[in-house]
Amino acid sequence: QVQLAESGGGSVQAGGSLRLSCAASGRGLSSYAMGWFRQAPGKEREFVGAIRWDGSRTFYVDFADSVRGRFTISRDNAKNTAYLQMNSLKPEDTAVYYCAASLRWRVGTNTVGAFEDWGQGTQVTVSS
């Protein structure tokens, strides 16, 4: 089991940027894919992006179409931390953002059920 804690949320005007961090603790963390989801009021939790390291040189990354080109995701295995850099933010990006970990995720398996462990979430509010 992996414990996850998000940070970096806040309020920003449209067009601005935020970087979210997800600090992980547990064993074998480098084997886990790290994902980001978000949930707006009255809506279902939706996939934002995820990253997996193959243990050698390759990082596999995927994004939702709604954020592709604006958001980037990275991880620092030495720090057991994943990051979500959000640029060109829009009011529709307003949501609670959750970090998640998975041993099963592969590119294209972008569902809530593919992730086993979750953080508590951090609020992101984008004003117009």
Protein backbone atom coordinates (compact mmCIF):
# COMPACT_ATOMS: atom_id res chain seq x y z
CA GLN A 1 0.00 0.00 0.00
CA VAL A 2 1.15 3.52 -0.83
CA GLN A 3 0.37 6.65 1.15
CA LEU A 4 -0.05 9.78 -0.93
CA ALA A 5 -0.23 13.46 -0.01
CA GLU A 6 -0.97 16.22 -2.50
CA SER A 7 0.08 19.83 -2.15
CA GLY A 8 0.27 22.96 -4.28
CA GLY A 9 -3.37 23.65 -4.92
CA GLY A 10 -4.82 27.14 -4.72
CA SER A 11 -6.57 29.90 -6.62
CA VAL A 12 -5.34 31.39 -9.86
CA GLN A 13 -6.71 33.50 -12.66
CA ALA A 14 -7.38 32.07 -16.08
CA GLY A 15 -4.20 31.75 -18.08
CA GLY A 16 -2.11 31.22 -14.98
CA SER A 17 -0.13 28.22 -13.79
CA LEU A 18 0.07 25.94 -10.78
CA ARG A 19 2.24 22.99 -9.92
CA LEU A 20 0.85 20.20 -7.82
CA SER A 21 3.07 17.79 -5.94
CA CYS A 22 2.32 14.30 -4.72
CA ALA A 23 4.58 12.92 -2.02
CA ALA A 24 4.47 9.14 -1.75
CA SER A 25 5.56 6.81 1.01
CA GLY A 26 5.72 3.05 1.03
CA ARG A 27 7.78 0.24 -0.45
CA GLY A 28 8.73 -0.25 -4.06
CA LEU A 29 7.45 3.15 -5.10
CA SER A 30 9.38 3.26 -8.35
CA SER A 31 7.27 0.31 -9.56
CA TYR A 32 4.06 2.30 -9.25
CA ALA A 33 2.53 4.43 -11.93
CA MET A 34 1.51 7.82 -10.57
CA GLY A 35 -1.68 9.38 -11.81
CA TRP A 36 -3.70 12.53 -11.42
CA PHE A 37 -7.47 12.75 -11.44
CA ARG A 38 -9.86 15.60 -10.78
CA GLN A 39 -13.42 15.94 -9.65
CA ALA A 40 -15.56 19.02 -10.08
CA PRO A 41 -18.76 19.54 -8.05
CA GLY A 42 -21.55 17.35 -9.35
CA LYS A 43 -19.28 15.49 -11.75
CA GLU A 44 -17.53 12.16 -11.77
CA ARG A 45 -13.85 11.84 -11.04
CA GLU A 46 -11.96 12.02 -14.30
CA PHE A 47 -8.49 11.09 -15.48
CA VAL A 48 -6.03 13.94 -16.01
CA GLY A 49 -2.70 12.24 -16.62
CA ALA A 50 -0.35 9.51 -15.46
CA ILE A 51 3.28 8.48 -15.67
CA ARG A 52 5.02 5.14 -15.32
CA TRP A 53 8.72 4.34 -15.26
CA ASP A 54 9.90 1.06 -16.75
CA GLY A 55 12.84 0.79 -14.38
CA SER A 56 15.37 1.63 -17.04
CA ARG A 57 15.17 4.68 -19.29
CA THR A 58 11.62 4.98 -20.45
CA PHE A 59 8.79 6.99 -18.97
CA TYR A 60 5.30 6.30 -20.26
CA VAL A 61 2.94 9.27 -20.05
CA ASP A 62 -0.65 9.81 -21.03
CA PHE A 63 -3.07 12.73 -20.70
CA ALA A 64 -6.72 13.45 -21.10
CA ASP A 65 -7.50 15.32 -24.31
CA SER A 66 -8.86 18.24 -22.30
CA VAL A 67 -5.44 18.98 -20.79
CA ARG A 68 -3.05 17.70 -23.43
CA GLY A 69 -0.60 20.41 -24.43
CA ARG A 70 -1.31 22.47 -21.30
CA PHE A 71 -0.39 20.07 -18.48
CA THR A 72 2.79 18.10 -18.00
CA ILE A 73 3.53 15.33 -15.54
CA SER A 74 6.83 14.22 -14.12
CA ARG A 75 8.26 12.21 -11.27
CA ASP A 76 11.38 12.24 -9.17
CA ASN A 77 11.96 8.67 -8.01
CA ALA A 78 14.72 9.76 -5.64
CA LYS A 79 12.26 12.03 -3.84
CA ASN A 80 9.27 9.70 -4.21
CA THR A 81 7.34 12.64 -5.60
CA ALA A 82 5.22 13.17 -8.68
CA TYR A 83 4.34 16.54 -10.14
CA LEU A 84 1.55 17.96 -12.25
CA GLN A 85 2.48 21.23 -13.95
CA MET A 86 -0.64 23.03 -15.09
CA ASN A 87 -0.31 25.90 -17.54
CA SER A 88 -2.83 28.04 -19.40
CA LEU A 89 -5.42 27.19 -16.79
CA LYS A 90 -9.09 27.62 -17.61
CA PRO A 91 -12.11 28.04 -15.32
CA GLU A 92 -13.23 24.55 -16.37
CA ASP A 93 -10.07 23.17 -14.77
CA THR A 94 -11.53 24.05 -11.37
CA ALA A 95 -11.80 20.86 -9.32
CA VAL A 96 -10.33 18.86 -6.49
CA TYR A 97 -7.22 17.18 -7.84
CA TYR A 98 -6.27 13.73 -6.59
CA CYS A 99 -3.02 11.86 -6.81
CA ALA A 100 -3.22 8.10 -7.27
CA ALA A 101 -0.86 5.14 -7.51
CA SER A 102 -1.14 1.95 -9.49
CA LEU A 103 0.85 -1.19 -10.19
CA ARG A 104 -1.46 -2.01 -13.10
CA TRP A 105 -1.70 1.20 -15.10
CA ARG A 106 -0.63 1.19 -18.70
CA VAL A 107 -1.14 3.87 -21.33
CA GLY A 108 -4.83 3.82 -22.26
CA THR A 109 -6.03 2.28 -19.00
CA ASN A 110 -7.15 5.64 -17.71
CA THR A 111 -9.87 4.66 -15.29
CA VAL A 112 -10.42 5.22 -11.59
CA GLY A 113 -10.50 1.46 -11.10
CA ALA A 114 -6.98 1.05 -12.46
CA PHE A 115 -5.53 2.85 -9.44
CA GLU A 116 -5.27 1.27 -6.00
CA ASP A 117 -4.19 4.07 -3.70
CA TRP A 118 -5.38 7.66 -3.44
CA GLY A 119 -4.49 10.92 -1.76
CA GLN A 120 -6.93 13.21 -0.01
CA GLY A 121 -7.06 15.77 -2.80
CA THR A 122 -6.18 19.42 -3.18
CA GLN A 123 -8.46 22.18 -4.44
CA VAL A 124 -7.64 24.10 -7.61
CA THR A 125 -9.80 27.11 -8.42
CA VAL A 126 -9.42 29.04 -11.66
CA SER A 127 -11.27 32.33 -11.94
CA SER A 128 -12.16 34.08 -15.18
